[in-house]
Amino acid sequence: MSGSGGTGGGGGFDPPETDCGALTFTTQLSSPKASVVRGLKEQDVLDLATEVVGRVTVVVALRSGEVAGGLASPLVQRLRECIEAGTEFKAQVLSVDRGQVRVRVRAA
């Protein structure tokens, strides 16, 4: 009997990775900080950075160095990988509605 033999090319099950420079998406801030969000307006540009919370690394949006909130999106894991690999990202504020902030994330 013969087996399938092969060393396998590994993976055709993983989704293709988006090039960091082309990664862009719209999402909302999670756990927005009222004291920071209060001063946000449409078109403001926020810095994005990683932050370790307990044992988890999250992506946060910063306004003048203060955390405005985290990012909630299925693409956050890829975004974190890109930031850790050296790609800088910004988030442009699209809308602010009673503490809910919608942003557009893209490479700087």
Protein backbone atom coordinates (compact mmCIF):
# COMPACT_ATOMS: atom_id res chain seq x y z
CA MET A 1 0.00 0.00 0.00
CA SER A 2 1.16 3.36 -0.72
CA GLY A 3 0.36 6.46 1.26
CA SER A 4 -0.14 9.90 0.03
CA GLY A 5 3.46 10.53 0.80
CA GLY A 6 4.09 14.21 0.35
CA THR A 7 5.58 16.66 2.66
CA GLY A 8 2.62 18.93 2.33
CA GLY A 9 2.80 22.51 1.38
CA GLY A 10 0.97 23.30 4.57
CA GLY A 11 -1.96 25.14 4.65
CA GLY A 12 -4.45 25.97 2.00
CA PHE A 13 -6.83 26.65 4.86
CA ASP A 14 -5.48 29.96 6.11
CA PRO A 15 -6.95 33.09 4.55
CA PRO A 16 -4.45 35.06 2.51
CA GLU A 17 -2.67 37.69 4.55
CA THR A 18 -3.32 41.26 3.58
CA ASP A 19 -0.20 43.28 2.79
CA CYS A 20 0.33 45.63 5.73
CA GLY A 21 0.49 48.71 3.51
CA ALA A 22 -2.86 47.80 1.94
CA LEU A 23 -4.66 46.97 5.20
CA THR A 24 -7.58 49.37 5.65
CA PHE A 25 -10.96 49.01 7.35
CA THR A 26 -13.69 50.87 9.18
CA THR A 27 -14.59 50.01 12.77
CA GLN A 28 -15.67 51.44 16.11
CA LEU A 29 -13.65 52.15 19.21
CA SER A 30 -14.31 49.63 21.95
CA SER A 31 -14.33 50.69 25.60
CA PRO A 32 -14.13 54.37 24.64
CA LYS A 33 -12.70 56.67 27.31
CA ALA A 34 -15.25 59.43 27.86
CA SER A 35 -12.67 62.01 28.94
CA VAL A 36 -10.81 61.62 25.63
CA VAL A 37 -13.77 60.93 23.31
CA ARG A 38 -15.47 64.11 24.53
CA GLY A 39 -12.86 66.16 22.65
CA LEU A 40 -12.94 64.20 19.38
CA LYS A 41 -14.51 65.49 16.19
CA GLU A 42 -14.87 64.23 12.63
CA GLN A 43 -11.63 64.22 10.63
CA ASP A 44 -9.41 64.01 13.75
CA VAL A 45 -6.52 61.60 13.22
CA LEU A 46 -5.57 59.19 16.00
CA ASP A 47 -2.33 57.27 16.41
CA LEU A 48 -2.56 53.49 16.78
CA ALA A 49 -0.33 51.43 19.03
CA THR A 50 -0.21 48.07 20.77
CA GLU A 51 -0.61 47.80 24.51
CA VAL A 52 -0.30 44.79 26.78
CA VAL A 53 -3.32 44.28 29.03
CA GLY A 54 -2.72 41.34 31.34
CA ARG A 55 -1.48 38.62 29.01
CA VAL A 56 -3.14 39.98 25.87
CA THR A 57 -1.79 42.51 23.39
CA VAL A 58 -4.48 44.89 22.14
CA VAL A 59 -4.51 47.75 19.63
CA VAL A 60 -5.47 51.14 21.03
CA ALA A 61 -6.25 54.50 19.45
CA LEU A 62 -4.42 57.45 20.99
CA ARG A 63 -5.18 61.16 20.97
CA SER A 64 -2.21 63.22 22.13
CA GLY A 65 -0.81 60.14 23.86
CA GLU A 66 -4.02 59.34 25.76
CA VAL A 67 -6.00 56.17 25.04
CA ALA A 68 -9.32 57.01 23.34
CA GLY A 69 -10.31 53.33 23.17
CA GLY A 70 -9.44 49.98 21.69
CA LEU A 71 -10.27 48.70 18.23
CA ALA A 72 -13.01 46.17 17.65
CA SER A 73 -12.69 44.32 14.34
CA PRO A 74 -11.93 40.85 13.03
CA LEU A 75 -8.88 42.46 11.38
CA VAL A 76 -7.31 43.61 14.65
CA GLN A 77 -5.06 40.55 14.89
CA ARG A 78 -3.57 41.28 11.47
CA LEU A 79 -3.31 44.97 12.35
CA ARG A 80 -1.41 44.09 15.54
CA GLU A 81 0.99 41.89 13.56
CA CYS A 82 1.62 44.72 11.10
CA ILE A 83 2.23 47.28 13.85
CA GLU A 84 4.63 44.90 15.60
CA ALA A 85 6.42 44.39 12.25
CA GLY A 86 6.97 48.14 11.99
CA THR A 87 4.11 49.50 9.87
CA GLU A 88 2.63 52.69 11.28
CA PHE A 89 -1.15 53.10 11.20
CA LYS A 90 -3.55 55.98 11.82
CA ALA A 91 -7.28 56.06 12.46
CA GLN A 92 -9.34 58.93 11.07
CA VAL A 93 -12.49 59.76 13.01
CA LEU A 94 -15.53 59.37 10.75
CA SER A 95 -18.22 60.09 13.33
CA VAL A 96 -18.79 60.64 17.02
CA ASP A 97 -22.27 59.90 18.33
CA ARG A 98 -22.86 59.92 22.10
CA GLY A 99 -19.60 58.23 22.92
CA GLN A 100 -19.59 55.88 19.95
CA VAL A 101 -16.66 56.63 17.67
CA ARG A 102 -16.38 55.24 14.15
CA VAL A 103 -12.91 55.32 12.57
CA ARG A 104 -11.19 54.44 9.30
CA VAL A 105 -7.89 52.60 9.84
CA ARG A 106 -5.09 52.73 7.26
CA ALA A 107 -1.33 52.65 6.98
CA ALA A 108 0.28 56.06 7.53
